[in-house]
């Protein structure tokens, strides 16, 4: 015979209703919110796009709500979807805590580091920060994702990452320090400046005097595509001069560096992107007769969840003003190498 306590434990309040969404479906919805696309969310969950769409539509039917506004440009959460996502984030966080419950849970928490960053930071700065920090790769699983400012923001809110590094180049016109909500903590890391860069065969590679902005505008340029953050700040630099007439647009920094390395063309890239090429002498930085634009890099994380031990260590490493990687341009005078090193230090 059941005792009174047992009877209460079997009351209706302990039985989940049939329309209760599955955790996996809620997690998928949060990924759609983060990526702005059912297809990209499906890839993150190792699903086909049709399978992901079927799961979300089934959840909409069970709840009697329309969760997504779908369009050829992507998917955006409706007002009801945003409200569900708010509760889903709390639920997913509780579910992760449940999975980590038990002996050794605290130690397992610090052995996984999930990072997100804008493309330039994830490709060129995070590997160095990881190498310079005190922990061993053999003792931690480090996962790095990349995306726009909005994507990184949503990854933090959805508890998909522990920490994000966000720079001003990854989204045109963004005001990074103003884009966060109250539930995020931010910390300034460094400034990343623009640099005029040429290949080793270009006459400007050994130029002793600074370049004027008008000379730059008159050169054969290789530029990022319109709409990118880097292109916006390049246009800002050239704003005082006559608009460039001779240029090529390419969609990635890697393609631009390859196009410039063995040609007579000139480009404008952020310092963090070209440090290794400057050190090896494949590219050369050209001084300009005015201050170059710069954008700050910030670390951001959830105030409610805080930072795991490794994430705190990485933030401290990134924010430290330790000695940067020494940059010496092959074949250049010491003064030129010192100038390049001083400019690189700004991006570290």
Foldseek 3Di string as FASTA:
>chain_A
DDDPVRVVCPDPVVDDDPLDADLVLLLLLLLCQLPQALCVSCVVVVHHSVVNVVSNVSNCVSVVHDFWDDDPVGIHGDPVNVVSNLVSLVVVVVVVVVVLDDPPSLVVVQQEAEEEEAPLCVVQPLVVLVVPFDDDCVRHHYHYHYDALSSRQSCQSSVVGAKYKYKQQAFAPDPNVPPHDPQKDKDWQFKWFKFKKAALPAPQQADPDADELQVLLAFQEEEEDPRTNRRNLVCVSNVVYDHRDHYHYDHDPVVRLVVGQPDNYMYMDILSNCQVVQQVQSMGTGHHPDGTDIIIMMMMHGPVVHHRPVRVRSSCSSRDQDQDDQGDHPPYDPVRSVVSSVNSSRVD
